[in-house]
């Protein structure tokens, strides 16, 4: 069986004698997210944009090429597509409604200030 994405990262990190705690402290990525990445539990991550940022920080800190790591990650996601293994940013309805409400609030405020003149 081929090595998983998370196992690859874990092996590279361990080869450099870097603990997850050190990686978390230095990259400011929560330990639980790093554990999720290394165990291929991408559904535990807050979204695709965040995951890519975490992976870039991870790669830079342990001395891997961030673009190569992101390409491997995207290949992994393609293999998992349809398996319901990863939540994209668009699948967060709370964020959608919060942004929508904020935009409507700003528009309503501008209209009220305009008519008060």
C-alpha atoms as a PDB file:
ATOM      1  CA  UNK A   1       0.000   0.000   0.000  1.00  0.00           C
ATOM      2  CA  UNK A   2       1.264   3.463  -0.863  1.00  0.00           C
ATOM      3  CA  UNK A   3       2.307   5.844   1.874  1.00  0.00           C
ATOM      4  CA  UNK A   4      -0.453   8.278   2.868  1.00  0.00           C
ATOM      5  CA  UNK A   5      -0.027  12.028   2.758  1.00  0.00           C
ATOM      6  CA  UNK A   6      -0.095  12.337   6.541  1.00  0.00           C
ATOM      7  CA  UNK A   7       2.381   9.485   6.989  1.00  0.00           C
ATOM      8  CA  UNK A   8       4.736  11.182   4.527  1.00  0.00           C
ATOM      9  CA  UNK A   9       4.659  14.437   6.516  1.00  0.00           C
ATOM     10  CA  UNK A  10       5.046  12.643   9.826  1.00  0.00           C
ATOM     11  CA  UNK A  11       8.037  10.691   8.545  1.00  0.00           C
ATOM     12  CA  UNK A  12       9.705  13.853   7.220  1.00  0.00           C
ATOM     13  CA  UNK A  13       9.095  15.645  10.524  1.00  0.00           C
ATOM     14  CA  UNK A  14      10.429  12.748  12.586  1.00  0.00           C
ATOM     15  CA  UNK A  15      13.528  12.447  10.378  1.00  0.00           C
ATOM     16  CA  UNK A  16      14.349  15.994  11.467  1.00  0.00           C
ATOM     17  CA  UNK A  17      13.669  15.187  15.156  1.00  0.00           C
ATOM     18  CA  UNK A  18      10.928  17.811  15.407  1.00  0.00           C
ATOM     19  CA  UNK A  19       8.084  17.094  17.818  1.00  0.00           C
ATOM     20  CA  UNK A  20       4.484  17.991  17.068  1.00  0.00           C
ATOM     21  CA  UNK A  21       4.509  20.266  20.116  1.00  0.00           C
ATOM     22  CA  UNK A  22       7.512  22.183  18.754  1.00  0.00           C
ATOM     23  CA  UNK A  23       5.932  22.389  15.311  1.00  0.00           C
ATOM     24  CA  UNK A  24       2.688  23.689  16.802  1.00  0.00           C
ATOM     25  CA  UNK A  25       4.485  26.284  18.908  1.00  0.00           C
ATOM     26  CA  UNK A  26       6.668  27.541  16.071  1.00  0.00           C
ATOM     27  CA  UNK A  27       3.993  27.603  13.355  1.00  0.00           C
ATOM     28  CA  UNK A  28       1.120  28.716  15.599  1.00  0.00           C
ATOM     29  CA  UNK A  29      -1.022  25.874  14.238  1.00  0.00           C
ATOM     30  CA  UNK A  30      -3.094  24.086  16.860  1.00  0.00           C
ATOM     31  CA  UNK A  31      -1.741  20.713  17.870  1.00  0.00           C
ATOM     32  CA  UNK A  32      -5.096  19.095  17.112  1.00  0.00           C
ATOM     33  CA  UNK A  33      -4.912  20.307  13.489  1.00  0.00           C
ATOM     34  CA  UNK A  34      -1.386  18.970  13.057  1.00  0.00           C
ATOM     35  CA  UNK A  35      -2.494  15.617  14.468  1.00  0.00           C
ATOM     36  CA  UNK A  36      -5.464  15.611  12.077  1.00  0.00           C
ATOM     37  CA  UNK A  37      -3.177  16.282   9.110  1.00  0.00           C
ATOM     38  CA  UNK A  38      -0.730  13.536  10.028  1.00  0.00           C
ATOM     39  CA  UNK A  39      -3.542  11.037  10.579  1.00  0.00           C
ATOM     40  CA  UNK A  40      -5.336  12.016   7.336  1.00  0.00           C
ATOM     41  CA  UNK A  41      -8.440  13.248   9.189  1.00  0.00           C
ATOM     42  CA  UNK A  42      -8.892  16.307   7.001  1.00  0.00           C
ATOM     43  CA  UNK A  43     -12.550  16.626   8.022  1.00  0.00           C
ATOM     44  CA  UNK A  44     -11.273  17.909  11.401  1.00  0.00           C
ATOM     45  CA  UNK A  45      -9.675  20.944   9.759  1.00  0.00           C
ATOM     46  CA  UNK A  46     -11.579  24.242   9.586  1.00  0.00           C
ATOM     47  CA  UNK A  47     -11.538  24.450   5.772  1.00  0.00           C
ATOM     48  CA  UNK A  48      -9.467  24.201   2.646  1.00  0.00           C
ATOM     49  CA  UNK A  49      -7.946  27.680   2.836  1.00  0.00           C
ATOM     50  CA  UNK A  50      -6.820  27.114   6.413  1.00  0.00           C
ATOM     51  CA  UNK A  51      -5.507  23.638   5.599  1.00  0.00           C
ATOM     52  CA  UNK A  52      -3.309  25.027   2.837  1.00  0.00           C
ATOM     53  CA  UNK A  53      -1.965  27.696   5.166  1.00  0.00           C
ATOM     54  CA  UNK A  54      -1.228  25.095   7.838  1.00  0.00           C
ATOM     55  CA  UNK A  55       0.573  22.933   5.305  1.00  0.00           C
ATOM     56  CA  UNK A  56       2.684  25.818   4.024  1.00  0.00           C
ATOM     57  CA  UNK A  57       3.769  26.681   7.559  1.00  0.00           C
ATOM     58  CA  UNK A  58       4.419  22.998   8.320  1.00  0.00           C
ATOM     59  CA  UNK A  59       6.513  22.518   5.187  1.00  0.00           C
ATOM     60  CA  UNK A  60       8.558  25.692   5.677  1.00  0.00           C
ATOM     61  CA  UNK A  61       9.350  24.901   9.288  1.00  0.00           C
ATOM     62  CA  UNK A  62      10.554  21.356   8.692  1.00  0.00           C
ATOM     63  CA  UNK A  63      12.437  22.293   5.524  1.00  0.00           C
ATOM     64  CA  UNK A  64      10.223  20.937   2.749  1.00  0.00           C
ATOM     65  CA  UNK A  65       9.249  22.834  -0.389  1.00  0.00           C
ATOM     66  CA  UNK A  66       5.741  24.242   0.369  1.00  0.00           C
ATOM     67  CA  UNK A  67       4.602  24.047  -3.275  1.00  0.00           C
ATOM     68  CA  UNK A  68       5.506  20.342  -3.449  1.00  0.00           C
ATOM     69  CA  UNK A  69       3.618  19.639  -0.229  1.00  0.00           C
ATOM     70  CA  UNK A  70       0.551  21.497  -1.517  1.00  0.00           C
ATOM     71  CA  UNK A  71       0.651  19.534  -4.788  1.00  0.00           C
ATOM     72  CA  UNK A  72       0.762  16.259  -2.845  1.00  0.00           C
ATOM     73  CA  UNK A  73      -2.147  17.495  -0.716  1.00  0.00           C
ATOM     74  CA  UNK A  74      -4.209  18.400  -3.784  1.00  0.00           C
ATOM     75  CA  UNK A  75      -3.517  14.958  -5.258  1.00  0.00           C
ATOM     76  CA  UNK A  76      -4.687  13.406  -1.990  1.00  0.00           C
ATOM     77  CA  UNK A  77      -7.873  15.487  -2.081  1.00  0.00           C
ATOM     78  CA  UNK A  78      -8.563  14.350  -5.644  1.00  0.00           C
ATOM     79  CA  UNK A  79      -8.283  10.738  -4.504  1.00  0.00           C
ATOM     80  CA  UNK A  80     -10.651  11.435  -1.614  1.00  0.00           C
ATOM     81  CA  UNK A  81     -13.169  13.422  -3.653  1.00  0.00           C
ATOM     82  CA  UNK A  82     -16.634  12.071  -3.290  1.00  0.00           C
ATOM     83  CA  UNK A  83     -15.655  10.240  -0.139  1.00  0.00           C
ATOM     84  CA  UNK A  84     -16.822  13.074   2.105  1.00  0.00           C
ATOM     85  CA  UNK A  85     -13.412  13.331   3.738  1.00  0.00           C
ATOM     86  CA  UNK A  86     -12.931  17.081   3.605  1.00  0.00           C
ATOM     87  CA  UNK A  87     -15.050  20.138   4.296  1.00  0.00           C
ATOM     88  CA  UNK A  88     -14.518  23.064   1.957  1.00  0.00           C
ATOM     89  CA  UNK A  89     -14.887  26.668   3.070  1.00  0.00           C
ATOM     90  CA  UNK A  90     -18.165  26.952   1.152  1.00  0.00           C
ATOM     91  CA  UNK A  91     -19.705  24.243   3.286  1.00  0.00           C
ATOM     92  CA  UNK A  92     -19.682  26.449   6.365  1.00  0.00           C
ATOM     93  CA  UNK A  93     -23.205  27.948   6.381  1.00  0.00           C
ATOM     94  CA  UNK A  94     -22.526  29.976   9.543  1.00  0.00           C
ATOM     95  CA  UNK A  95     -19.777  31.920   7.806  1.00  0.00           C
ATOM     96  CA  UNK A  96     -22.013  32.571   4.792  1.00  0.00           C
ATOM     97  CA  UNK A  97     -24.798  34.015   6.944  1.00  0.00           C
ATOM     98  CA  UNK A  98     -22.408  36.064   9.072  1.00  0.00           C
ATOM     99  CA  UNK A  99     -20.826  37.662   5.985  1.00  0.00           C
ATOM    100  CA  UNK A 100     -24.235  38.213   4.370  1.00  0.00           C
ATOM    101  CA  UNK A 101     -25.622  39.863   7.496  1.00  0.00           C
ATOM    102  CA  UNK A 102     -22.550  42.100   7.774  1.00  0.00           C
ATOM    103  CA  UNK A 103     -22.914  43.273   4.183  1.00  0.00           C
ATOM    104  CA  UNK A 104     -26.639  43.968   4.639  1.00  0.00           C
ATOM    105  CA  UNK A 105     -25.929  45.868   7.852  1.00  0.00           C
ATOM    106  CA  UNK A 106     -23.387  48.114   6.130  1.00  0.00           C
ATOM    107  CA  UNK A 107     -25.763  48.768   3.226  1.00  0.00           C
ATOM    108  CA  UNK A 108     -28.645  49.599   5.580  1.00  0.00           C
ATOM    109  CA  UNK A 109     -26.425  51.950   7.594  1.00  0.00           C
ATOM    110  CA  UNK A 110     -25.276  53.794   4.465  1.00  0.00           C
ATOM    111  CA  UNK A 111     -28.879  54.169   3.258  1.00  0.00           C
ATOM    112  CA  UNK A 112     -30.066  55.483   6.629  1.00  0.00           C
ATOM    113  CA  UNK A 113     -27.219  57.994   6.825  1.00  0.00           C
ATOM    114  CA  UNK A 114     -27.907  59.098   3.258  1.00  0.00           C
ATOM    115  CA  UNK A 115     -31.584  59.811   3.961  1.00  0.00           C
ATOM    116  CA  UNK A 116     -30.900  61.581   7.265  1.00  0.00           C
ATOM    117  CA  UNK A 117     -29.163  64.425   5.396  1.00  0.00           C
END
